[in-house]
Amino acid sequence: MGNSKPDLLKGTLDLLILKALRRESPMHGYGISVMIRQWSDEVLQVEQGSLYPALYRLEEKGLIDFEWGVSENNRRGKFYKLTAEGESFLDEALANWRSVSKAINRVLQIG
């Protein structure tokens, strides 16, 4: 293991992206990855090769939408935002995450 960064569980990246967009919307992809890195105290590093496929997947599911805009460095790009369906999905996913996380913590606490 050593100093390696932890891998995200399947589906966790989608949850993190949706959470970031609930907090700060609309956002471009780079901004989402920076926010996740900062919130995790530099533990979670979301690479472009994982981020953009996740954004496209969430867009296809109707959980996020985008608008074209101009970034701080004057570049045209997509700015993503949650849809109403994305809000509902996030609420359910967060409740499920809390339940599963609590159960895993109970198991890990055993003698």
N, C-alpha and C. Protein backbone atom coordinates (compact mmCIF):
# COMPACT_ATOMS: atom_id res chain seq x y z
N MET A 1 0.81 -1.20 0.00
CA MET A 1 0.00 0.00 0.00
C MET A 1 0.85 1.25 0.00
N GLY A 2 1.64 1.46 1.02
CA GLY A 2 2.55 2.60 1.06
C GLY A 2 1.85 3.93 0.97
N ASN A 3 2.34 4.81 0.10
CA ASN A 3 1.80 6.16 -0.06
C ASN A 3 0.80 6.28 -1.18
N SER A 4 0.30 5.16 -1.68
CA SER A 4 -0.62 5.23 -2.81
C SER A 4 -1.94 5.88 -2.39
N LYS A 5 -2.56 6.55 -3.35
CA LYS A 5 -3.85 7.19 -3.10
C LYS A 5 -4.94 6.12 -3.17
N PRO A 6 -5.99 6.25 -2.36
CA PRO A 6 -7.05 5.25 -2.39
C PRO A 6 -7.85 5.31 -3.68
N ASP A 7 -8.31 4.15 -4.13
CA ASP A 7 -9.19 4.09 -5.29
C ASP A 7 -10.61 4.37 -4.83
N LEU A 8 -11.39 5.02 -5.69
CA LEU A 8 -12.78 5.27 -5.38
C LEU A 8 -13.59 4.02 -5.66
N LEU A 9 -14.55 3.73 -4.79
CA LEU A 9 -15.46 2.63 -5.03
C LEU A 9 -16.33 2.95 -6.23
N LYS A 10 -16.77 1.90 -6.92
CA LYS A 10 -17.62 2.10 -8.08
C LYS A 10 -18.86 2.92 -7.70
N GLY A 11 -19.16 3.94 -8.46
CA GLY A 11 -20.30 4.79 -8.20
C GLY A 11 -20.01 5.95 -7.27
N THR A 12 -18.91 5.90 -6.55
CA THR A 12 -18.59 6.96 -5.60
C THR A 12 -18.25 8.27 -6.32
N LEU A 13 -17.55 8.17 -7.43
CA LEU A 13 -17.20 9.38 -8.17
C LEU A 13 -18.46 10.12 -8.61
N ASP A 14 -19.45 9.39 -9.10
CA ASP A 14 -20.70 10.02 -9.50
C ASP A 14 -21.32 10.78 -8.33
N LEU A 15 -21.33 10.15 -7.18
CA LEU A 15 -21.88 10.77 -5.97
C LEU A 15 -21.12 12.05 -5.60
N LEU A 16 -19.80 11.99 -5.68
CA LEU A 16 -18.98 13.17 -5.35
C LEU A 16 -19.22 14.31 -6.33
N ILE A 17 -19.36 13.98 -7.61
CA ILE A 17 -19.63 15.01 -8.63
C ILE A 17 -20.98 15.66 -8.37
N LEU A 18 -22.00 14.84 -8.12
CA LEU A 18 -23.33 15.38 -7.87
C LEU A 18 -23.34 16.27 -6.62
N LYS A 19 -22.63 15.85 -5.59
CA LYS A 19 -22.54 16.64 -4.35
C LYS A 19 -21.86 17.99 -4.62
N ALA A 20 -20.79 17.95 -5.41
CA ALA A 20 -20.09 19.20 -5.75
C ALA A 20 -21.02 20.15 -6.52
N LEU A 21 -21.80 19.60 -7.43
CA LEU A 21 -22.69 20.43 -8.23
C LEU A 21 -23.86 20.96 -7.41
N ARG A 22 -24.25 20.25 -6.37
CA ARG A 22 -25.31 20.77 -5.50
C ARG A 22 -24.79 21.99 -4.74
N ARG A 23 -23.55 21.94 -4.37
CA ARG A 23 -22.95 23.02 -3.57
C ARG A 23 -22.61 24.24 -4.42
N GLU A 24 -21.99 24.00 -5.55
CA GLU A 24 -21.51 25.09 -6.42
C GLU A 24 -21.93 24.78 -7.85
N SER A 25 -22.98 25.39 -8.31
CA SER A 25 -23.45 25.09 -9.66
C SER A 25 -23.76 26.39 -10.36
N PRO A 26 -23.49 26.51 -11.63
CA PRO A 26 -22.80 25.57 -12.53
C PRO A 26 -21.27 25.62 -12.34
N MET A 27 -20.65 24.49 -12.71
CA MET A 27 -19.19 24.37 -12.60
C MET A 27 -18.64 23.65 -13.82
N HIS A 28 -17.42 24.00 -14.19
CA HIS A 28 -16.74 23.26 -15.25
C HIS A 28 -16.01 22.07 -14.63
N GLY A 29 -15.62 21.13 -15.47
CA GLY A 29 -15.02 19.88 -15.00
C GLY A 29 -13.82 20.08 -14.09
N TYR A 30 -12.92 20.95 -14.49
CA TYR A 30 -11.72 21.17 -13.67
C TYR A 30 -12.10 21.67 -12.28
N GLY A 31 -13.07 22.57 -12.21
CA GLY A 31 -13.52 23.10 -10.93
C GLY A 31 -14.09 22.02 -10.03
N ILE A 32 -14.79 21.07 -10.63
CA ILE A 32 -15.34 19.95 -9.87
C ILE A 32 -14.21 19.13 -9.26
N SER A 33 -13.20 18.82 -10.08
CA SER A 33 -12.09 18.01 -9.57
C SER A 33 -11.32 18.73 -8.47
N VAL A 34 -11.14 20.04 -8.61
CA VAL A 34 -10.45 20.83 -7.58
C VAL A 34 -11.24 20.81 -6.28
N MET A 35 -12.55 20.99 -6.39
CA MET A 35 -13.39 21.01 -5.20
C MET A 35 -13.31 19.68 -4.44
N ILE A 36 -13.41 18.57 -5.17
CA ILE A 36 -13.34 17.24 -4.54
C ILE A 36 -11.98 17.05 -3.87
N ARG A 37 -10.92 17.47 -4.53
CA ARG A 37 -9.57 17.35 -3.95
C ARG A 37 -9.47 18.17 -2.66
N GLN A 38 -9.97 19.40 -2.69
CA GLN A 38 -9.90 20.27 -1.52
C GLN A 38 -10.75 19.73 -0.38
N TRP A 39 -11.97 19.30 -0.67
CA TRP A 39 -12.86 18.77 0.36
C TRP A 39 -12.28 17.54 1.03
N SER A 40 -11.49 16.77 0.28
CA SER A 40 -10.94 15.52 0.82
C SER A 40 -9.55 15.72 1.42
N ASP A 41 -9.16 16.97 1.64
CA ASP A 41 -7.83 17.28 2.17
C ASP A 41 -6.73 16.64 1.31
N GLU A 42 -6.89 16.76 0.00
CA GLU A 42 -5.90 16.32 -1.00
C GLU A 42 -5.78 14.79 -1.11
N VAL A 43 -6.71 14.03 -0.51
CA VAL A 43 -6.64 12.57 -0.58
C VAL A 43 -7.20 12.06 -1.90
N LEU A 44 -8.32 12.61 -2.33
CA LEU A 44 -8.97 12.15 -3.56
C LEU A 44 -8.55 13.03 -4.74
N GLN A 45 -7.87 12.43 -5.68
CA GLN A 45 -7.42 13.12 -6.89
C GLN A 45 -8.23 12.57 -8.06
N VAL A 46 -9.10 13.38 -8.62
CA VAL A 46 -9.94 12.94 -9.73
C VAL A 46 -9.26 13.34 -11.04
N GLU A 47 -8.78 12.34 -11.74
CA GLU A 47 -8.08 12.59 -13.01
C GLU A 47 -9.09 12.82 -14.14
N GLN A 48 -8.67 13.55 -15.16
CA GLN A 48 -9.53 13.84 -16.30
C GLN A 48 -10.05 12.56 -16.97
N GLY A 49 -9.23 11.53 -16.99
CA GLY A 49 -9.62 10.27 -17.62
C GLY A 49 -10.75 9.57 -16.89
N SER A 50 -11.00 9.94 -15.65
CA SER A 50 -12.13 9.41 -14.89
C SER A 50 -13.28 10.42 -14.83
N LEU A 51 -12.91 11.69 -14.70
CA LEU A 51 -13.92 12.73 -14.51
C LEU A 51 -14.83 12.89 -15.72
N TYR A 52 -14.26 13.07 -16.89
CA TYR A 52 -15.10 13.39 -18.05
C TYR A 52 -15.99 12.23 -18.48
N PRO A 53 -15.54 10.98 -18.44
CA PRO A 53 -16.49 9.88 -18.71
C PRO A 53 -17.63 9.86 -17.68
N ALA A 54 -17.33 10.18 -16.42
CA ALA A 54 -18.38 10.22 -15.40
C ALA A 54 -19.37 11.35 -15.70
N LEU A 55 -18.87 12.50 -16.11
CA LEU A 55 -19.76 13.62 -16.46
C LEU A 55 -20.66 13.24 -17.63
N TYR A 56 -20.11 12.60 -18.65
CA TYR A 56 -20.91 12.19 -19.80
C TYR A 56 -21.96 11.17 -19.38
N ARG A 57 -21.57 10.24 -18.51
CA ARG A 57 -22.49 9.21 -18.03
C ARG A 57 -23.65 9.86 -17.25
N LEU A 58 -23.34 10.80 -16.38
CA LEU A 58 -24.37 11.49 -15.60
C LEU A 58 -25.28 12.32 -16.50
N GLU A 59 -24.70 12.89 -17.53
CA GLU A 59 -25.49 13.67 -18.49
C GLU A 59 -26.45 12.75 -19.25
N GLU A 60 -25.96 11.60 -19.69
CA GLU A 60 -26.81 10.63 -20.41
C GLU A 60 -27.96 10.14 -19.54
N LYS A 61 -27.73 10.01 -18.24
CA LYS A 61 -28.78 9.56 -17.31
C LYS A 61 -29.77 10.67 -16.97
N GLY A 62 -29.48 11.89 -17.40
CA GLY A 62 -30.36 13.01 -17.11
C GLY A 62 -30.19 13.59 -15.72
N LEU A 63 -29.08 13.25 -15.06
CA LEU A 63 -28.84 13.73 -13.70
C LEU A 63 -28.16 15.09 -13.67
N ILE A 64 -27.45 15.42 -14.75
CA ILE A 64 -26.83 16.74 -14.88
C ILE A 64 -27.11 17.27 -16.28
N ASP A 65 -26.98 18.55 -16.42
CA ASP A 65 -27.10 19.22 -17.71
C ASP A 65 -25.95 20.21 -17.79
N PHE A 66 -25.78 20.85 -18.91
CA PHE A 66 -24.69 21.83 -19.02
C PHE A 66 -25.13 23.02 -19.82
N GLU A 67 -24.38 24.08 -19.66
CA GLU A 67 -24.52 25.28 -20.48
C GLU A 67 -23.12 25.69 -20.90
N TRP A 68 -23.01 26.29 -22.07
CA TRP A 68 -21.71 26.76 -22.51
C TRP A 68 -21.39 28.07 -21.82
N GLY A 69 -20.13 28.24 -21.45
CA GLY A 69 -19.70 29.46 -20.79
C GLY A 69 -18.22 29.69 -21.01
N VAL A 70 -17.70 30.72 -20.36
CA VAL A 70 -16.29 31.08 -20.48
C VAL A 70 -15.66 30.96 -19.10
N SER A 71 -14.54 30.24 -19.02
CA SER A 71 -13.86 30.00 -17.74
C SER A 71 -13.03 31.22 -17.33
N GLU A 72 -12.42 31.11 -16.13
CA GLU A 72 -11.60 32.20 -15.61
C GLU A 72 -10.43 32.53 -16.53
N ASN A 73 -9.92 31.52 -17.24
CA ASN A 73 -8.79 31.76 -18.13
C ASN A 73 -9.25 32.02 -19.57
N ASN A 74 -10.51 32.47 -19.69
CA ASN A 74 -11.05 32.94 -20.96
C ASN A 74 -11.19 31.83 -22.01
N ARG A 75 -11.46 30.61 -21.57
CA ARG A 75 -11.66 29.49 -22.49
C ARG A 75 -13.13 29.08 -22.46
N ARG A 76 -13.65 28.77 -23.62
CA ARG A 76 -15.03 28.31 -23.74
C ARG A 76 -15.11 26.87 -23.23
N GLY A 77 -16.14 26.57 -22.46
CA GLY A 77 -16.29 25.22 -21.94
C GLY A 77 -17.69 24.96 -21.42
N LYS A 78 -17.92 23.70 -21.08
CA LYS A 78 -19.20 23.29 -20.52
C LYS A 78 -19.21 23.56 -19.02
N PHE A 79 -20.30 24.12 -18.55
CA PHE A 79 -20.52 24.33 -17.13
C PHE A 79 -21.71 23.48 -16.73
N TYR A 80 -21.45 22.54 -15.83
CA TYR A 80 -22.44 21.53 -15.47
C TYR A 80 -23.28 21.98 -14.28
N LYS A 81 -24.53 21.48 -14.25
CA LYS A 81 -25.44 21.76 -13.15
C LYS A 81 -26.35 20.54 -12.95
N LEU A 82 -26.86 20.40 -11.72
CA LEU A 82 -27.78 19.32 -11.40
C LEU A 82 -29.14 19.58 -12.03
N THR A 83 -29.78 18.51 -12.46
CA THR A 83 -31.17 18.59 -12.89
C THR A 83 -32.04 18.25 -11.67
N ALA A 84 -33.34 18.42 -11.80
CA ALA A 84 -34.25 18.04 -10.72
C ALA A 84 -34.13 16.54 -10.44
N GLU A 85 -34.00 15.75 -11.50
CA GLU A 85 -33.81 14.31 -11.33
C GLU A 85 -32.49 14.02 -10.61
N GLY A 86 -31.46 14.80 -10.89
CA GLY A 86 -30.17 14.66 -10.23
C GLY A 86 -30.27 14.96 -8.74
N GLU A 87 -31.06 15.97 -8.39
CA GLU A 87 -31.28 16.32 -6.98
C GLU A 87 -31.91 15.15 -6.23
N SER A 88 -32.96 14.58 -6.81
CA SER A 88 -33.65 13.44 -6.18
C SER A 88 -32.73 12.24 -6.06
N PHE A 89 -32.00 11.96 -7.13
CA PHE A 89 -31.07 10.83 -7.13
C PHE A 89 -30.02 11.03 -6.04
N LEU A 90 -29.48 12.24 -5.91
CA LEU A 90 -28.46 12.52 -4.92
C LEU A 90 -28.99 12.30 -3.50
N ASP A 91 -30.21 12.76 -3.24
CA ASP A 91 -30.80 12.55 -1.91
C ASP A 91 -30.87 11.06 -1.57
N GLU A 92 -31.34 10.25 -2.52
CA GLU A 92 -31.44 8.80 -2.30
C GLU A 92 -30.05 8.17 -2.14
N ALA A 93 -29.12 8.58 -2.99
CA ALA A 93 -27.77 8.02 -2.95
C ALA A 93 -27.06 8.37 -1.64
N LEU A 94 -27.25 9.58 -1.14
CA LEU A 94 -26.63 9.98 0.12
C LEU A 94 -27.21 9.18 1.29
N ALA A 95 -28.51 8.96 1.29
CA ALA A 95 -29.13 8.16 2.35
C ALA A 95 -28.60 6.74 2.31
N ASN A 96 -28.47 6.18 1.12
CA ASN A 96 -27.94 4.83 0.97
C ASN A 96 -26.47 4.78 1.41
N TRP A 97 -25.68 5.77 1.02
CA TRP A 97 -24.27 5.82 1.40
C TRP A 97 -24.12 5.86 2.92
N ARG A 98 -24.91 6.69 3.57
CA ARG A 98 -24.82 6.79 5.03
C ARG A 98 -25.16 5.46 5.70
N SER A 99 -26.16 4.78 5.17
CA SER A 99 -26.56 3.49 5.73
C SER A 99 -25.46 2.44 5.55
N VAL A 100 -24.92 2.34 4.35
CA VAL A 100 -23.87 1.36 4.07
C VAL A 100 -22.60 1.70 4.85
N SER A 101 -22.25 2.97 4.88
CA SER A 101 -21.05 3.41 5.60
C SER A 101 -21.16 3.08 7.09
N LYS A 102 -22.32 3.31 7.66
CA LYS A 102 -22.55 3.01 9.07
C LYS A 102 -22.39 1.51 9.33
N ALA A 103 -22.93 0.69 8.43
CA ALA A 103 -22.83 -0.76 8.59
C ALA A 103 -21.38 -1.23 8.46
N ILE A 104 -20.64 -0.69 7.51
CA ILE A 104 -19.24 -1.06 7.33
C ILE A 104 -18.44 -0.65 8.57
N ASN A 105 -18.68 0.54 9.09
CA ASN A 105 -17.99 1.00 10.29
C ASN A 105 -18.26 0.07 11.48
N ARG A 106 -19.52 -0.38 11.61
CA ARG A 106 -19.84 -1.31 12.71
C ARG A 106 -19.03 -2.58 12.58
N VAL A 107 -18.94 -3.12 11.35
CA VAL A 107 -18.18 -4.36 11.13
C VAL A 107 -16.71 -4.14 11.45
N LEU A 108 -16.15 -3.02 11.01
CA LEU A 108 -14.72 -2.75 11.23
C LEU A 108 -14.39 -2.50 12.69
N GLN A 109 -15.37 -2.12 13.51
CA GLN A 109 -15.14 -1.88 14.93
C GLN A 109 -15.08 -3.17 15.76
N ILE A 110 -15.52 -4.28 15.17
CA ILE A 110 -15.58 -5.54 15.91
C ILE A 110 -14.16 -6.00 16.22
N GLY A 111 -13.96 -6.34 17.50
CA GLY A 111 -12.75 -6.82 18.11
C GLY A 111 -11.61 -7.11 17.24
